[in-house]
Amino acid sequence: MTLTPPPLRNDCFALPAGVDWTPVDVALDHLRQTLTPVTLSEVLPLGECLGCVLAEDVHAARSNPPQPNTAVDGYGFAGPVADGPQIMALVTGRAAAGQAYDGEVPHGTAIRILTGAALPQGVDTVILEEDVSSDGEKIAFRGPLKKGSNTRKAGEDACAGDLILPKGRVITPADLALASATGLPELLVRQPLRIGVLSTGDELVESGMQAAAGQIYDANRPMLLALLTQMGFVAIDLGKAADDRTALRAHLDSAASKVDAILTSGGASAGDEDHMSALLRESGAMQQWRIALKPGRPLALGLWKGTPVFGLPGNPVAAMVCTLIFARPAMGLMAGASWAEPQGFDLPAAFEKRKKPGRREYLRARVRDGKVEVFQSEGSGRVSSLSWAEGLVELADGAGEIKPGAPVRFIPYSSFRL
């Protein structure tokens, strides 16, 4: 079974008329409402599904457990058992996992039973072997014992036909265990989203090469490629494009034929050398979002020959923050996954800050001794701060004054699948 997704509309990134500075939540909600999966689906055996996105709801093919069974080693009989000393005759044979007892256990008698064994007919209660004395022909123990003790009901984990995994879920090792336990040898999943990463700018050279005056080493491309890989996408290196509109057009033409989405850094603003936004504008499907966000205000979004393009700021700190906050959940939807909301934790601040109203801020942060530290400088050119940090502190859009000990929202990098 293969599903073919419809193409994205040319206006999928268009914000409502009159919107100027866009609040973060408005931008995120717009992405959530307008983006749809762009990848095909395929059936894969369970062993190849780890990290894939489910293309349909998954229902149990068989109940788990398929029949009532025992949770312990011991002796099985029909319960309940009254208070006081009890003696029961043992039937010949035993029940073990994978070795069902062929017969019925008469009322008032018991059978030796081992963990995981299906309950024989006539058995609904099990007593621990540590609570029993036996001479091989009879058992003795003390009641009371409730009916159903130390047993598992058929289907108590999942019943045949139950929804066990929802469409859009990214499959984990535990999901594979559940699918296998309920009789599913294969799953319908989305093919992985292929994302090309392109750096732009005459000032960029590859690390290790000779850098002329005014040139810098490209920090964005290796960072973005690694981020996308850790997030479960297929990251494709598209290299570097010079500040030349013809050359950049050729890069985009080539990329559009082999990837599902393009992530660029640099050229997303409206200056003379911001060719990325200019080309997207020429294509007729470009939107320049001025996000009320620090760091990273300009985002150029559009379609190039039907392929979505996310134009990130050139500054590495802003590029990473925008990738985590905007590109990650958006590309997750395009990959067929559910919208990803990063999990944050309220922790006491180990810093002091006064914040102006109007923009949401993300500070590079880490946790030490249960308190949140932030990097000493908020300069968005401090690449070392990204390595120093273990996550982000999110400060709300309004004005605020943070004192040491006040609660702040800390979002660890792990919440972004890093």
Protein backbone atom coordinates (compact mmCIF):
# COMPACT_ATOMS: atom_id res chain seq x y z
CA MET A 1 0.00 0.00 0.00
CA THR A 2 1.48 3.35 -1.05
CA LEU A 3 -0.01 6.75 -0.26
CA THR A 4 0.83 9.71 -2.49
CA PRO A 5 0.62 13.03 -0.65
CA PRO A 6 -0.77 16.11 -2.40
CA PRO A 7 1.66 18.96 -3.15
CA LEU A 8 1.85 21.94 -0.82
CA ARG A 9 -0.06 25.02 -1.90
CA ASN A 10 1.86 28.10 -3.04
CA ASP A 11 0.27 30.08 -0.22
CA CYS A 12 1.05 27.60 2.56
CA PHE A 13 3.38 30.10 4.25
CA ALA A 14 1.22 33.19 3.69
CA LEU A 15 0.28 34.95 6.92
CA PRO A 16 -3.03 36.84 7.26
CA ALA A 17 -3.15 40.27 5.65
CA GLY A 18 -1.94 43.12 7.85
CA VAL A 19 0.41 41.01 9.96
CA ASP A 20 3.74 42.77 10.46
CA TRP A 21 5.70 41.57 13.45
CA THR A 22 4.54 38.01 13.99
CA PRO A 23 4.32 36.58 17.51
CA VAL A 24 6.00 33.20 17.92
CA ASP A 25 2.76 31.40 18.77
CA VAL A 26 0.99 32.85 15.71
CA ALA A 27 3.82 31.68 13.45
CA LEU A 28 3.84 28.21 14.98
CA ASP A 29 0.07 27.86 14.76
CA HIS A 30 0.17 28.90 11.10
CA LEU A 31 2.73 26.21 10.31
CA ARG A 32 0.69 23.64 12.21
CA GLN A 33 -2.48 24.50 10.30
CA THR A 34 -1.06 24.72 6.77
CA LEU A 35 1.69 22.12 6.41
CA THR A 36 0.93 18.53 5.41
CA PRO A 37 3.01 15.39 4.74
CA VAL A 38 5.02 15.41 1.53
CA THR A 39 6.57 11.92 1.68
CA LEU A 40 5.36 8.62 0.27
CA SER A 41 4.56 5.64 2.48
CA GLU A 42 5.78 2.07 2.38
CA VAL A 43 5.36 -1.20 4.25
CA LEU A 44 8.47 -2.25 6.19
CA PRO A 45 9.21 -5.24 8.43
CA LEU A 46 9.36 -4.35 12.14
CA GLY A 47 13.13 -4.63 12.23
CA GLU A 48 13.45 -1.71 9.81
CA CYS A 49 10.86 0.62 11.38
CA LEU A 50 12.82 2.20 14.23
CA GLY A 51 12.65 6.00 13.95
CA CYS A 52 10.12 5.87 11.11
CA VAL A 53 6.82 7.79 11.16
CA LEU A 54 3.60 5.76 11.16
CA ALA A 55 1.47 6.46 8.09
CA GLU A 56 -1.71 5.02 9.63
CA ASP A 57 -3.21 4.08 12.98
CA VAL A 58 -2.00 0.67 14.17
CA HIS A 59 -4.39 -1.84 15.75
CA ALA A 60 -3.50 -5.02 17.62
CA ALA A 61 -3.79 -8.16 15.51
CA ARG A 62 -3.98 -10.36 18.61
CA SER A 63 -4.66 -9.78 22.30
CA ASN A 64 -1.72 -9.51 24.67
CA PRO A 65 -1.61 -11.74 26.58
CA PRO A 66 -3.60 -13.96 24.24
CA GLN A 67 -4.99 -16.03 27.13
CA PRO A 68 -4.98 -15.81 30.94
CA ASN A 69 -1.61 -16.77 32.39
CA THR A 70 0.36 -16.84 35.60
CA ALA A 71 2.65 -14.03 36.73
CA VAL A 72 4.68 -16.25 39.10
CA ASP A 73 6.02 -19.74 39.70
CA GLY A 74 3.68 -21.61 42.04
CA TYR A 75 0.54 -23.69 42.12
CA GLY A 76 -2.76 -23.04 40.38
CA PHE A 77 -6.32 -23.89 41.39
CA ALA A 78 -9.80 -22.40 41.49
CA GLY A 79 -10.16 -19.50 43.93
CA PRO A 80 -10.99 -17.82 46.20
CA VAL A 81 -9.52 -19.55 49.27
CA ALA A 82 -10.86 -19.09 52.78
CA ASP A 83 -8.84 -18.03 55.81
CA GLY A 84 -6.79 -20.69 57.61
CA PRO A 85 -4.75 -23.81 56.72
CA GLN A 86 -5.45 -25.41 53.33
CA ILE A 87 -4.44 -28.76 51.84
CA MET A 88 -4.97 -29.66 48.17
CA ALA A 89 -4.09 -32.73 46.16
CA LEU A 90 -1.78 -32.20 43.17
CA VAL A 91 -2.78 -33.40 39.72
CA THR A 92 -0.19 -35.12 37.59
CA GLY A 93 1.78 -32.91 35.21
CA ARG A 94 2.46 -29.20 35.10
CA ALA A 95 1.81 -26.06 33.04
CA ALA A 96 4.77 -24.07 31.66
CA ALA A 97 5.23 -21.20 29.23
CA GLY A 98 4.75 -22.59 25.73
CA GLN A 99 3.66 -25.97 27.13
CA ALA A 100 -0.06 -25.84 27.75
CA TYR A 101 -1.61 -28.39 30.13
CA ASP A 102 -3.92 -30.69 28.23
CA GLY A 103 -6.77 -31.31 30.59
CA GLU A 104 -8.90 -29.81 33.32
CA VAL A 105 -7.86 -29.29 36.94
CA PRO A 106 -10.73 -30.56 39.14
CA HIS A 107 -12.12 -28.20 41.76
CA GLY A 108 -10.29 -28.52 45.07
CA THR A 109 -7.05 -29.74 43.48
CA ALA A 110 -3.95 -27.86 42.31
CA ILE A 111 -1.36 -28.03 39.54
CA ARG A 112 2.29 -27.03 39.40
CA ILE A 113 2.50 -23.92 37.17
CA LEU A 114 5.43 -21.79 35.99
CA THR A 115 5.64 -18.09 35.14
CA GLY A 116 4.02 -17.19 31.81
CA ALA A 117 2.09 -20.45 31.48
CA ALA A 118 -1.47 -20.30 30.20
CA LEU A 119 -3.94 -21.10 32.97
CA PRO A 120 -5.34 -24.62 32.49
CA GLN A 121 -9.08 -25.13 32.46
CA GLY A 122 -10.30 -25.04 36.05
CA VAL A 123 -7.54 -22.66 37.25
CA ASP A 124 -8.04 -18.96 37.91
CA THR A 125 -5.78 -18.35 40.93
CA VAL A 126 -2.10 -18.97 41.66
CA ILE A 127 -0.18 -19.05 44.94
CA LEU A 128 3.54 -18.32 45.14
CA GLU A 129 5.69 -21.42 45.57
CA GLU A 130 7.45 -19.69 48.49
CA ASP A 131 4.15 -19.77 50.40
CA VAL A 132 3.60 -23.50 49.88
CA SER A 133 4.85 -26.77 51.39
CA SER A 134 4.65 -29.84 49.14
CA ASP A 135 5.45 -33.55 49.32
CA GLY A 136 4.93 -34.03 45.58
CA GLU A 137 1.40 -35.31 46.02
CA LYS A 138 -0.23 -32.52 48.03
CA ILE A 139 0.35 -28.88 48.85
CA ALA A 140 -0.26 -27.04 52.11
CA PHE A 141 -0.59 -23.30 52.60
CA ARG A 142 -2.49 -20.69 54.56
CA GLY A 143 -5.37 -18.61 53.22
CA PRO A 144 -7.00 -16.31 52.55
CA LEU A 145 -6.28 -15.83 48.84
CA LYS A 146 -8.38 -13.76 46.47
CA LYS A 147 -9.66 -15.21 43.24
CA GLY A 148 -7.36 -14.18 40.38
CA SER A 149 -4.28 -13.65 42.59
CA ASN A 150 -0.93 -13.72 40.75
CA THR A 151 -2.55 -14.09 37.33
CA ARG A 152 -2.84 -11.92 34.24
CA LYS A 153 -6.10 -11.58 32.34
CA ALA A 154 -6.29 -12.20 28.60
CA GLY A 155 -5.97 -8.88 26.78
CA GLU A 156 -5.19 -6.89 29.94
CA ASP A 157 -2.35 -5.18 28.03
CA ALA A 158 -4.14 -4.91 24.68
CA CYS A 159 -7.13 -6.59 23.07
CA ALA A 160 -7.30 -7.61 19.43
CA GLY A 161 -8.51 -4.61 17.44
CA ASP A 162 -7.38 -2.02 20.01
CA LEU A 163 -5.63 1.11 18.76
CA ILE A 164 -2.08 0.64 20.06
CA LEU A 165 -0.06 3.23 18.08
CA PRO A 166 -1.43 6.43 16.49
CA LYS A 167 -0.74 7.72 13.02
CA GLY A 168 2.12 10.22 13.03
CA ARG A 169 4.03 8.60 15.89
CA VAL A 170 7.80 8.29 15.56
CA ILE A 171 8.47 4.62 16.29
CA THR A 172 10.54 3.76 19.37
CA PRO A 173 12.06 0.44 20.50
CA ALA A 174 9.16 0.09 22.97
CA ASP A 175 6.68 0.54 20.09
CA LEU A 176 8.36 -2.32 18.23
CA ALA A 177 7.92 -4.52 21.30
CA LEU A 178 4.22 -3.65 21.49
CA ALA A 179 3.63 -4.24 17.78
CA SER A 180 5.41 -7.58 17.91
CA ALA A 181 3.61 -8.69 21.08
CA THR A 182 0.26 -8.05 19.40
CA GLY A 183 1.10 -10.03 16.28
CA LEU A 184 2.20 -7.38 13.78
CA PRO A 185 5.15 -8.35 11.56
CA GLU A 186 5.21 -5.12 9.53
CA LEU A 187 3.98 -1.52 9.56
CA LEU A 188 2.96 1.13 7.05
CA VAL A 189 5.40 4.00 7.55
CA ARG A 190 6.42 7.22 5.84
CA GLN A 191 9.60 7.33 3.85
CA PRO A 192 12.12 9.55 5.66
CA LEU A 193 12.05 13.26 4.84
CA ARG A 194 15.13 14.31 2.85
CA ILE A 195 16.31 17.80 3.77
CA GLY A 196 19.04 19.60 1.88
CA VAL A 197 21.25 22.09 3.73
CA LEU A 198 22.73 25.01 1.80
CA SER A 199 24.94 27.82 3.08
CA THR A 200 25.09 31.13 1.21
CA GLY A 201 27.56 33.99 1.28
CA ASP A 202 30.87 35.05 -0.24
CA GLU A 203 32.29 35.42 3.25
CA LEU A 204 32.10 31.68 3.95
CA VAL A 205 34.90 29.17 3.48
CA GLU A 206 35.21 25.57 4.56
CA SER A 207 36.88 24.98 7.91
CA GLY A 208 40.56 24.22 7.42
CA MET A 209 40.86 26.13 4.14
CA GLN A 210 42.80 29.35 3.78
CA ALA A 211 40.55 32.23 4.80
CA ALA A 212 41.12 35.64 3.23
CA ALA A 213 40.57 38.90 5.08
CA GLY A 214 36.87 39.30 5.85
CA GLN A 215 36.09 35.61 5.40
CA ILE A 216 34.83 33.24 8.10
CA TYR A 217 34.53 29.50 8.42
CA ASP A 218 31.09 28.03 7.76
CA ALA A 219 29.67 26.98 11.14
CA ASN A 220 26.04 26.65 10.05
CA ARG A 221 26.19 23.80 7.56
CA PRO A 222 27.88 21.19 9.80
CA MET A 223 25.63 22.24 12.67
CA LEU A 224 22.40 22.05 10.67
CA LEU A 225 23.32 18.74 9.03
CA ALA A 226 23.99 17.24 12.45
CA LEU A 227 20.79 18.70 13.95
CA LEU A 228 18.66 17.22 11.17
CA THR A 229 20.33 13.82 11.48
CA GLN A 230 19.73 13.71 15.23
CA MET A 231 16.09 14.68 14.65
CA GLY A 232 15.63 11.62 12.45
CA PHE A 233 15.64 13.26 9.01
CA VAL A 234 17.90 12.41 6.10
CA ALA A 235 20.30 15.35 5.87
CA ILE A 236 21.85 16.07 2.47
CA ASP A 237 24.79 18.44 2.12
CA LEU A 238 24.12 20.92 -0.70
CA GLY A 239 27.38 22.77 -0.17
CA LYS A 240 27.85 26.53 -0.34
CA ALA A 241 26.51 29.08 -2.82
CA ALA A 242 28.21 32.38 -3.52
CA ASP A 243 26.41 35.72 -3.41
CA ASP A 244 25.47 35.39 -7.05
CA ARG A 245 21.85 35.09 -8.07
CA THR A 246 22.50 32.88 -11.08
CA ALA A 247 24.66 30.45 -9.10
CA LEU A 248 22.13 30.32 -6.26
CA ARG A 249 19.31 29.66 -8.72
CA ALA A 250 21.26 26.72 -10.12
CA HIS A 251 21.82 25.36 -6.61
CA LEU A 252 18.12 25.54 -5.84
CA ASP A 253 17.15 23.98 -9.18
CA SER A 254 19.44 21.03 -8.52
CA ALA A 255 18.33 20.63 -4.92
CA ALA A 256 14.60 20.71 -5.73
CA SER A 257 14.99 17.58 -7.85
CA LYS A 258 16.51 15.44 -5.10
CA VAL A 259 15.21 16.59 -1.70
CA ASP A 260 11.83 17.09 -0.04
CA ALA A 261 12.75 20.38 1.65
CA ILE A 262 15.63 22.86 1.67
CA LEU A 263 17.15 24.54 4.70
CA THR A 264 19.33 27.55 3.90
CA SER A 265 21.25 29.96 6.10
CA GLY A 266 22.02 33.54 5.12
CA GLY A 267 20.34 35.83 2.62
CA ALA A 268 16.97 35.70 4.33
CA SER A 269 16.65 39.44 4.90
CA ALA A 270 16.06 42.23 2.39
CA GLY A 271 19.54 43.67 1.78
CA ASP A 272 21.40 44.07 -1.52
CA GLU A 273 23.11 40.71 -1.14
CA ASP A 274 20.16 38.81 0.28
CA HIS A 275 19.65 36.79 -2.87
CA MET A 276 17.77 33.91 -1.22
CA SER A 277 14.76 36.02 -0.31
CA ALA A 278 14.95 37.83 -3.68
CA LEU A 279 14.84 34.55 -5.63
CA LEU A 280 11.96 33.19 -3.59
CA ARG A 281 10.11 36.44 -4.18
CA GLU A 282 10.68 36.06 -7.94
CA SER A 283 9.30 32.52 -7.78
CA GLY A 284 5.97 33.95 -6.61
CA ALA A 285 5.81 31.79 -3.48
CA MET A 286 7.88 33.69 -0.94
CA GLN A 287 6.89 35.01 2.45
CA GLN A 288 9.26 36.97 4.64
CA TRP A 289 8.32 36.49 8.24
CA ARG A 290 9.53 39.05 10.75
CA ILE A 291 9.22 37.03 13.91
CA ALA A 292 8.97 38.77 17.28
CA LEU A 293 11.84 36.61 18.45
CA LYS A 294 15.31 37.05 19.89
CA PRO A 295 17.61 35.80 18.48
CA GLY A 296 16.58 35.44 14.84
CA ARG A 297 13.91 37.71 13.40
CA PRO A 298 13.93 37.23 9.61
CA LEU A 299 12.68 33.96 8.17
CA ALA A 300 12.26 33.56 4.42
CA LEU A 301 9.81 30.78 3.60
CA GLY A 302 8.60 29.70 0.22
CA LEU A 303 8.42 27.05 -2.49
CA TRP A 304 11.03 26.51 -5.17
CA LYS A 305 9.62 24.34 -7.97
CA GLY A 306 7.23 22.88 -5.40
CA THR A 307 9.92 22.18 -2.81
CA PRO A 308 9.56 24.01 0.53
CA VAL A 309 12.46 26.31 1.42
CA PHE A 310 13.21 27.51 4.94
CA GLY A 311 15.55 30.50 4.75
CA LEU A 312 17.23 30.86 8.14
CA PRO A 313 19.23 33.82 9.42
CA GLY A 314 22.96 33.57 8.76
CA ASN A 315 23.97 34.02 12.38
CA PRO A 316 24.70 30.54 13.83
CA VAL A 317 22.91 31.16 17.14
CA ALA A 318 19.81 32.51 15.39
CA ALA A 319 20.00 29.70 12.81
CA MET A 320 19.99 27.05 15.52
CA VAL A 321 17.21 28.66 17.57
CA CYS A 322 14.99 29.10 14.50
CA THR A 323 15.67 25.50 13.47
CA LEU A 324 14.64 24.18 16.88
CA ILE A 325 11.60 26.40 17.35
CA PHE A 326 10.22 26.59 13.79
CA ALA A 327 11.88 24.24 11.30
CA ARG A 328 11.85 21.16 13.49
CA PRO A 329 8.06 20.95 14.12
CA ALA A 330 7.29 22.15 10.57
CA MET A 331 9.50 19.54 8.96
CA GLY A 332 8.10 16.95 11.33
CA LEU A 333 4.63 17.59 9.90
CA MET A 334 6.03 17.34 6.38
CA ALA A 335 7.54 13.98 7.38
CA GLY A 336 4.08 12.80 8.49
CA ALA A 337 4.74 13.09 12.22
CA SER A 338 2.50 14.70 14.80
CA TRP A 339 3.16 18.31 15.77
CA ALA A 340 6.11 18.31 18.18
CA GLU A 341 5.75 20.50 21.26
CA PRO A 342 9.04 20.69 23.19
CA GLN A 343 8.72 19.80 26.87
CA GLY A 344 9.90 22.46 29.28
CA PHE A 345 10.45 22.45 33.03
CA ASP A 346 10.00 25.24 35.54
CA LEU A 347 13.22 25.60 37.51
CA PRO A 348 14.68 28.37 39.70
CA ALA A 349 16.88 30.90 37.92
CA ALA A 350 20.52 31.34 38.86
CA PHE A 351 20.65 34.65 36.98
CA GLU A 352 19.14 38.11 36.90
CA LYS A 353 17.61 39.80 33.86
CA ARG A 354 15.24 42.60 32.92
CA LYS A 355 13.31 41.94 29.70
CA LYS A 356 11.57 44.46 27.47
CA PRO A 357 8.11 43.68 26.02
CA GLY A 358 7.42 42.78 22.41
CA ARG A 359 9.58 39.75 21.65
CA ARG A 360 9.94 36.22 22.92
CA GLU A 361 13.49 35.46 23.96
CA TYR A 362 15.46 32.26 24.05
CA LEU A 363 18.59 32.28 26.21
CA ARG A 364 21.28 29.65 25.97
CA ALA A 365 21.18 27.84 29.30
CA ARG A 366 22.16 24.84 31.37
CA VAL A 367 21.21 23.37 34.76
CA ARG A 368 23.63 23.16 37.67
CA ASP A 369 22.65 22.15 41.21
CA GLY A 370 18.98 22.33 40.29
CA LYS A 371 19.18 25.94 39.07
CA VAL A 372 19.27 27.38 35.55
CA GLU A 373 22.38 29.26 34.45
CA VAL A 374 22.49 31.35 31.27
CA PHE A 375 25.48 32.17 29.12
CA GLN A 376 27.31 35.30 30.20
CA SER A 377 26.68 37.08 26.90
CA GLU A 378 23.49 37.24 24.84
CA GLY A 379 25.47 38.09 21.70
CA SER A 380 24.08 36.02 18.85
CA GLY A 381 27.53 35.65 17.32
CA ARG A 382 28.82 33.63 20.27
CA VAL A 383 28.94 30.15 18.74
CA SER A 384 30.65 28.85 21.88
CA SER A 385 27.42 29.51 23.79
CA LEU A 386 25.62 26.80 21.81
CA SER A 387 28.22 24.24 22.85
CA TRP A 388 28.25 25.50 26.45
CA ALA A 389 24.47 25.26 26.76
CA GLU A 390 22.37 22.17 27.40
CA GLY A 391 19.10 23.80 26.38
CA LEU A 392 17.20 27.07 26.18
CA VAL A 393 15.40 29.30 28.63
CA GLU A 394 12.16 30.63 27.13
CA LEU A 395 11.06 34.09 28.22
CA ALA A 396 7.48 35.09 27.39
CA ASP A 397 6.58 37.91 24.97
CA GLY A 398 5.76 40.49 27.62
CA ALA A 399 8.01 42.51 29.88
CA GLY A 400 9.55 40.81 32.86
CA GLU A 401 12.14 41.03 35.56
CA ILE A 402 13.83 37.84 36.65
CA LYS A 403 15.52 37.60 40.01
CA PRO A 404 17.64 34.69 41.25
CA GLY A 405 15.36 31.94 42.50
CA ALA A 406 12.39 32.97 40.33
CA PRO A 407 10.93 30.13 38.20
CA VAL A 408 11.88 30.11 34.51
CA ARG A 409 11.00 27.67 31.74
CA PHE A 410 14.01 25.55 30.77
CA ILE A 411 13.76 23.47 27.58
CA PRO A 412 16.56 20.87 27.41
CA TYR A 413 18.06 20.06 24.04
CA SER A 414 16.72 16.51 24.52
CA SER A 415 13.19 17.90 24.14
CA PHE A 416 14.13 18.65 20.53
CA ARG A 417 15.36 15.05 20.04
CA LEU A 418 18.99 16.13 20.40
